[in-house]
Amino acid sequence: MSIHSFTKDKDLVTRSIAGETLIVPVRSGISDLDCTYVLNEVGSRVWELLDERRPVDKIVEAICAEYDVPLDQAALDIGELLGSLETAGLIHPAGEAETSSMKSKSNP
């Protein structure tokens, strides 16, 4: 994966329930319950690691250590997860969210 790290979109509500993470996008102050995302235990751990702004390769290493999964399989699975989260607009390449946020503040 060529992107080094990601940040979470700021317009999300998340809750952890029974080892899973529920993610609901909030647009214009309204929750879109039709677009609720659910992450399993490993996906939830990846989501937590995104808070630490770790590079993707460090997230892969952490998952390998915590879940005893081969590096190549973890890299593939995490790459697919991050790609899906990015496509859904739940995460952005690090720096991109801050840049667009600064642009919107300077251009009301």
Foldseek 3Di string as FASTA:
>chain_A
DPFFAKAFAPQWDWDDDPQKIWIWGADPNRTDPVPIDIGHNLRVQLVVVNVVRGTLLVNLVVSCVVPVDDSVVSSVVVVVSVVVCVVSVGMDRPPPNVVVVVVVVVPD
